[in-house]
C-alpha cells in the first residue's frame, strides 16, 4: 500500500518542508495525479522559487507576510500571525507562471497546486473578502475559510479551503467520500496539511505536545486504513475512501489546509456520507455552534 501519511520531514525537498505532488517534487507517490502541496519556512529575507509549469497555484501565508512575484510582477500578502488568527489574503497565479516568494521578516507559506490546462488570470484575494463559514454545531463545530472554492475563486481544477477546529471538537465529520464520478458525487483526491497549537488560555506546560488525529478507511475493495496522530507540518493524503473525523484533541486547537482536484468534468465538491454516520447531521439543527468560534485576530 502506498504511503498516505507524511510526518514533518518525511516530504522535505531542499528549502521545502513539504513537497508532494507538484511538477517539481522529487518525491513521487504512486497513483497521485491531481493535487500538490509545497510548504516552506523562510528566515527573514529568504526566498523560494517555483518555475513555470502547467499547474495552477494558490499561495497561502500560514504565518508572516510575503511578497510574491508572478512572472516578475510583485504582489504583497499582508499575511497573519498564525493560522489560528483568522483568514489571510492569498494569491492565485494561474498556469504557466514562474513564482518567487520572499519574506522580509520571515514566516511560513503554503502553495496549493493542481495540473491544469485552462488559463485564469492572477488574482489577489484580500482577507476581508474571503467567505468565512461556521460549519456543523456543538462539538462538531468548525470554521472554514473558502478562499479557493468554486463560489469564491475562478480556477480550472482545484478546490482549496482551510478549516480550524477548536480543542476537543470533531471536524470533517460525518465521515464522507468523493471518490466516484456519479450522481451527487465527484471524484476528488485530497490533501490535508495540519497545524496544531495549545488552546488559548489553557494551563498547559511549555513542553505540551499539541496533537490531533485523522481517520481514513476503505469505502470499497481498494485498501486504505489510516488512523494518524498529527502535529504541525504533518500531511495526510486521501486518494479515495471514507475520511473523517479530523479530531482536535482536548486542550489543542487543530488547523488543516485542504486541497482537492480530480479528473472529472465538473469543478465541484459533491460528497457521499458514510451511511452508518450521516444521520448525525440531523442533530445539528437543534444544537448551537461552539461559542469559541469564529477564531480571529
Protein backbone atom coordinates (compact mmCIF):
# COMPACT_ATOMS: atom_id res chain seq x y z
CA UNK A 1 0.00 0.00 0.00
CA UNK A 2 1.26 3.49 -0.82
CA UNK A 3 2.33 5.83 1.97
CA UNK A 4 -0.52 8.22 2.73
CA UNK A 5 0.88 9.82 5.92
CA UNK A 6 3.91 12.15 5.94
CA UNK A 7 5.17 13.48 9.23
CA UNK A 8 7.15 16.72 9.22
CA UNK A 9 10.45 15.96 7.48
CA UNK A 10 9.22 12.92 5.53
CA UNK A 11 8.47 15.02 2.42
CA UNK A 12 11.29 17.54 2.72
CA UNK A 13 12.96 18.68 -0.51
CA UNK A 14 15.70 21.30 -0.33
CA UNK A 15 14.24 24.52 1.06
CA UNK A 16 10.76 22.99 1.18
CA UNK A 17 9.46 21.46 4.43
CA UNK A 18 6.82 19.65 2.36
CA UNK A 19 6.89 18.93 -1.38
CA UNK A 20 4.27 16.46 -2.60
CA UNK A 21 2.52 16.04 -5.93
CA UNK A 22 3.84 19.20 -7.61
CA UNK A 23 5.50 19.38 -11.02
CA UNK A 24 8.96 19.75 -9.46
CA UNK A 25 8.59 17.39 -6.48
CA UNK A 26 11.47 14.98 -6.05
CA UNK A 27 9.24 12.64 -4.01
CA UNK A 28 6.65 10.74 -6.06
CA UNK A 29 3.54 8.99 -4.75
CA UNK A 30 2.14 6.06 -6.73
CA UNK A 31 -1.27 6.85 -8.18
CA UNK A 32 -1.21 10.52 -7.13
CA UNK A 33 -2.01 12.77 -10.09
CA UNK A 34 -4.32 15.73 -9.43
CA UNK A 35 -3.12 17.80 -6.44
CA UNK A 36 0.10 19.08 -4.95
CA UNK A 37 1.42 20.93 -1.91
CA UNK A 38 4.57 22.81 -1.03
CA UNK A 39 5.32 24.37 2.38
CA UNK A 40 8.37 26.45 3.25
CA UNK A 41 9.60 28.13 6.44
CA UNK A 42 11.58 31.22 5.44
CA UNK A 43 14.11 33.11 7.52
CA UNK A 44 13.99 36.90 7.33
CA UNK A 45 14.97 37.99 3.83
CA UNK A 46 14.90 34.47 2.38
CA UNK A 47 13.03 33.37 -0.75
CA UNK A 48 11.86 30.28 -2.62
CA UNK A 49 11.04 29.91 -6.29
CA UNK A 50 8.75 27.78 -8.44
CA UNK A 51 9.40 27.50 -12.17
CA UNK A 52 6.71 28.00 -14.77
CA UNK A 53 4.60 24.83 -15.16
CA UNK A 54 1.22 23.67 -16.44
CA UNK A 55 -0.28 23.78 -12.95
CA UNK A 56 -2.39 26.38 -11.21
CA UNK A 57 -1.21 27.59 -7.83
CA UNK A 58 -2.50 29.49 -4.85
CA UNK A 59 -0.11 31.00 -2.29
CA UNK A 60 -1.35 30.87 1.31
CA UNK A 61 0.57 32.61 4.12
CA UNK A 62 0.48 30.39 7.22
CA UNK A 63 2.40 32.88 9.39
CA UNK A 64 4.07 36.12 8.42
CA UNK A 65 3.86 38.45 5.42
CA UNK A 66 5.15 37.72 1.91
CA UNK A 67 5.99 39.29 -1.42
CA UNK A 68 5.05 37.08 -4.37
CA UNK A 69 6.47 37.88 -7.81
CA UNK A 70 4.45 36.28 -10.62
CA UNK A 71 6.50 36.47 -13.81
CA UNK A 72 8.23 39.50 -12.30
CA UNK A 73 5.10 41.39 -11.16
CA UNK A 74 5.09 41.76 -7.38
CA UNK A 75 2.08 41.24 -5.11
CA UNK A 76 2.07 41.96 -1.37
CA UNK A 77 0.42 39.50 1.03
CA UNK A 78 -0.04 41.02 4.48
CA UNK A 79 -0.44 37.53 5.91
CA UNK A 80 -1.24 36.82 9.55
CA UNK A 81 0.34 35.94 12.87
CA UNK A 82 -0.73 32.30 12.63
CA UNK A 83 -3.36 30.06 11.03
CA UNK A 84 -5.43 30.44 14.21
CA UNK A 85 -5.94 34.21 13.82
CA UNK A 86 -8.49 34.18 11.01
CA UNK A 87 -8.09 34.19 7.23
CA UNK A 88 -5.12 35.57 5.32
CA UNK A 89 -5.05 37.20 1.93
CA UNK A 90 -4.00 34.68 -0.73
CA UNK A 91 -2.73 34.85 -4.30
CA UNK A 92 -3.92 32.73 -7.23
CA UNK A 93 -1.34 32.65 -10.02
CA UNK A 94 -2.98 30.71 -12.84
CA UNK A 95 -0.97 28.34 -15.04
CA UNK A 96 2.44 28.65 -16.73
CA UNK A 97 3.63 31.32 -14.29
CA UNK A 98 7.01 31.44 -12.53
CA UNK A 99 6.74 32.37 -8.83
CA UNK A 100 9.29 33.90 -6.45
CA UNK A 101 8.13 34.10 -2.82
CA UNK A 102 10.06 36.13 -0.23
CA UNK A 103 9.51 37.42 3.29
CA UNK A 104 11.23 40.46 4.82
CA UNK A 105 10.63 39.29 8.39
CA UNK A 106 10.34 35.53 7.84
CA UNK A 107 7.36 33.19 8.07
CA UNK A 108 5.77 30.00 6.82
CA UNK A 109 3.96 29.74 3.50
CA UNK A 110 2.00 27.03 1.66
CA UNK A 111 1.40 26.67 -2.07
CA UNK A 112 -1.51 24.53 -3.28
CA UNK A 113 -1.18 23.23 -6.84
CA UNK A 114 -3.07 21.24 -9.44
CA UNK A 115 -2.18 20.27 -13.02
CA UNK A 116 -4.38 22.39 -15.27
CA UNK A 117 -4.90 23.38 -18.89
CA UNK A 118 -7.14 26.41 -18.92
CA UNK A 119 -5.87 29.89 -18.14
CA UNK A 120 -7.43 32.07 -15.46
CA UNK A 121 -5.93 35.44 -14.52
CA UNK A 122 -3.72 36.05 -11.50
CA UNK A 123 -5.85 37.27 -8.62
CA UNK A 124 -5.13 38.59 -5.14
CA UNK A 125 -7.94 37.68 -2.73
CA UNK A 126 -7.95 40.00 0.29
CA UNK A 127 -8.53 38.53 3.73
CA UNK A 128 -11.60 40.73 4.18
CA UNK A 129 -13.16 39.25 1.04
CA UNK A 130 -12.72 35.58 1.99
CA UNK A 131 -16.02 33.83 2.86
CA UNK A 132 -15.86 32.52 6.45
CA UNK A 133 -18.27 29.67 7.15
CA UNK A 134 -19.15 28.22 10.55
CA UNK A 135 -19.98 24.60 9.79
CA UNK A 136 -21.59 21.94 11.98
CA UNK A 137 -22.71 22.53 15.57
CA UNK A 138 -21.86 21.60 19.15
CA UNK A 139 -18.68 19.53 19.36
CA UNK A 140 -18.73 19.22 15.55
CA UNK A 141 -18.39 22.99 15.10
CA UNK A 142 -15.54 24.26 12.92
CA UNK A 143 -14.56 27.35 10.95
CA UNK A 144 -13.95 27.19 7.20
CA UNK A 145 -12.15 29.77 5.04
CA UNK A 146 -13.47 29.24 1.50
CA UNK A 147 -10.92 31.25 -0.49
CA UNK A 148 -10.37 28.63 -3.22
CA UNK A 149 -13.83 27.12 -3.65
CA UNK A 150 -15.82 27.42 -6.91
CA UNK A 151 -18.11 30.10 -5.47
CA UNK A 152 -15.18 32.27 -4.38
CA UNK A 153 -12.45 31.80 -6.99
CA UNK A 154 -12.35 31.31 -10.75
CA UNK A 155 -9.94 28.44 -11.38
CA UNK A 156 -9.54 25.44 -13.63
CA UNK A 157 -9.23 22.32 -11.47
CA UNK A 158 -8.60 22.66 -7.77
CA UNK A 159 -10.80 23.38 -4.75
CA UNK A 160 -8.89 24.82 -1.79
CA UNK A 161 -10.01 25.83 1.70
CA UNK A 162 -8.77 25.77 5.29
CA UNK A 163 -10.50 24.61 8.46
CA UNK A 164 -9.96 25.49 12.14
CA UNK A 165 -11.34 23.10 14.73
CA UNK A 166 -11.44 24.17 18.40
CA UNK A 167 -9.91 21.93 21.05
CA UNK A 168 -11.98 18.81 21.71
CA UNK A 169 -14.13 19.11 18.58
CA UNK A 170 -14.51 16.74 15.62
CA UNK A 171 -14.18 18.06 12.09
CA UNK A 172 -14.50 16.52 8.62
CA UNK A 173 -17.46 14.68 10.11
CA UNK A 174 -19.61 12.69 9.45
CA UNK A 175 -17.13 10.53 7.51
CA UNK A 176 -17.66 11.08 3.82
CA UNK A 177 -16.10 10.31 0.46
CA UNK A 178 -15.69 11.83 -3.00
CA UNK A 179 -14.01 9.07 -5.00
CA UNK A 180 -16.55 8.35 -7.77
CA UNK A 181 -17.99 10.31 -10.67
CA UNK A 182 -21.70 9.65 -10.23
CA UNK A 183 -24.94 11.44 -9.46
CA UNK A 184 -24.35 13.55 -6.37
CA UNK A 185 -20.62 12.83 -6.09
CA UNK A 186 -17.39 13.97 -7.75
CA UNK A 187 -14.07 12.12 -7.81
CA UNK A 188 -11.50 14.26 -5.96
CA UNK A 189 -8.22 13.28 -4.37
CA UNK A 190 -7.47 15.37 -1.29
CA UNK A 191 -4.54 16.67 0.74
CA UNK A 192 -4.77 17.51 4.44
CA UNK A 193 -1.92 19.67 5.77
CA UNK A 194 -2.08 20.13 9.56
CA UNK A 195 -1.01 22.62 12.19
CA UNK A 196 -1.74 22.38 15.92
CA UNK A 197 -1.40 24.59 18.98
CA UNK A 198 -2.15 24.61 22.67
CA UNK A 199 -5.60 26.16 23.08
CA UNK A 200 -5.54 29.83 24.09
CA UNK A 201 -5.90 30.37 27.83
CA UNK A 202 -5.12 26.78 28.76
CA UNK A 203 -2.79 25.98 31.69
CA UNK A 204 -0.58 23.73 29.51
CA UNK A 205 3.11 23.44 30.38
CA UNK A 206 5.74 24.71 27.97
CA UNK A 207 6.51 21.18 26.75
CA UNK A 208 2.87 20.28 25.96
CA UNK A 209 2.58 18.13 22.83
CA UNK A 210 -0.16 19.65 20.62
CA UNK A 211 -1.73 16.75 18.72
CA UNK A 212 -4.72 15.88 16.57
CA UNK A 213 -5.92 12.76 14.74
CA UNK A 214 -7.04 11.92 11.22
CA UNK A 215 -9.02 8.85 10.10
CA UNK A 216 -9.35 7.41 6.57
CA UNK A 217 -10.84 3.98 5.79
CA UNK A 218 -12.00 1.91 2.82
CA UNK A 219 -15.29 2.58 1.04
CA UNK A 220 -14.87 -0.27 -1.48
CA UNK A 221 -12.38 -3.01 -2.36
CA UNK A 222 -9.45 -0.56 -2.53
CA UNK A 223 -7.44 -0.91 0.69
CA UNK A 224 -6.77 2.08 2.91
CA UNK A 225 -6.62 2.26 6.71
CA UNK A 226 -5.24 5.45 8.27
CA UNK A 227 -5.54 6.41 11.92
CA UNK A 228 -2.83 9.04 12.19
CA UNK A 229 -1.62 11.21 15.04
CA UNK A 230 -0.83 14.62 13.51
CA UNK A 231 1.11 17.71 14.52
CA UNK A 232 2.25 20.93 12.88
CA UNK A 233 3.79 20.16 9.49
CA UNK A 234 2.23 16.72 9.02
CA UNK A 235 0.36 15.82 5.83
CA UNK A 236 -2.22 13.11 5.07
CA UNK A 237 -3.15 12.17 1.51
CA UNK A 238 -6.67 10.88 0.79
CA UNK A 239 -6.75 9.13 -2.61
CA UNK A 240 -10.17 7.54 -2.01
CA UNK A 241 -12.30 6.11 0.79
CA UNK A 242 -14.28 7.42 3.72
CA UNK A 243 -12.37 10.15 5.59
CA UNK A 244 -13.12 11.76 8.91
CA UNK A 245 -13.14 12.62 11.60
CA UNK A 246 -10.24 15.01 11.89
CA UNK A 247 -10.11 15.29 15.67
CA UNK A 248 -8.80 18.17 17.76
CA UNK A 249 -7.64 16.55 20.99
CA UNK A 250 -8.86 18.22 24.20
CA UNK A 251 -6.52 21.09 25.03
CA UNK A 252 -5.28 21.55 21.46
CA UNK A 253 -6.72 23.50 18.51
CA UNK A 254 -6.40 21.92 15.06
CA UNK A 255 -5.92 23.55 11.65
CA UNK A 256 -5.84 21.90 8.27
CA UNK A 257 -5.43 23.09 4.70
CA UNK A 258 -7.48 21.09 2.17
CA UNK A 259 -6.50 20.78 -1.49
CA UNK A 260 -8.83 18.82 -3.78
CA UNK A 261 -8.92 18.12 -7.51
CA UNK A 262 -9.83 15.24 -9.78
CA UNK A 263 -10.24 14.04 -13.34
CA UNK A 264 -13.95 14.76 -13.72
CA UNK A 265 -15.53 17.39 -15.97
CA UNK A 266 -17.02 19.49 -13.15
CA UNK A 267 -15.13 21.54 -10.55
CA UNK A 268 -17.48 20.87 -7.65
CA UNK A 269 -17.25 19.32 -4.17
CA UNK A 270 -20.03 16.72 -4.10
CA UNK A 271 -19.83 14.09 -1.36
CA UNK A 272 -21.50 10.95 -0.05
CA UNK A 273 -21.75 10.39 3.71
CA UNK A 274 -20.92 7.04 5.26
CA UNK A 275 -24.49 5.73 5.67
CA UNK A 276 -23.67 4.47 9.17
CA UNK A 277 -22.96 8.01 10.38
CA UNK A 278 -24.69 10.52 8.09
CA UNK A 279 -27.66 10.80 10.48
CA UNK A 280 -25.50 12.92 12.80
CA UNK A 281 -26.07 15.94 10.55
CA UNK A 282 -29.74 15.97 11.60
CA UNK A 283 -28.76 16.68 15.21
CA UNK A 284 -27.10 19.97 14.34
CA UNK A 285 -30.40 21.74 13.62
CA UNK A 286 -31.20 21.86 17.33
CA UNK A 287 -27.63 22.44 18.58
CA UNK A 288 -25.80 25.76 18.91
CA UNK A 289 -22.48 26.48 17.21
CA UNK A 290 -19.48 26.35 19.55
CA UNK A 291 -19.21 29.85 21.12
CA UNK A 292 -15.42 29.80 20.73
CA UNK A 293 -15.96 30.43 17.02
CA UNK A 294 -15.08 32.37 14.99
CA UNK A 295 -11.31 32.50 15.55
CA UNK A 296 -9.90 35.91 14.58
CA UNK A 297 -7.05 38.27 15.32
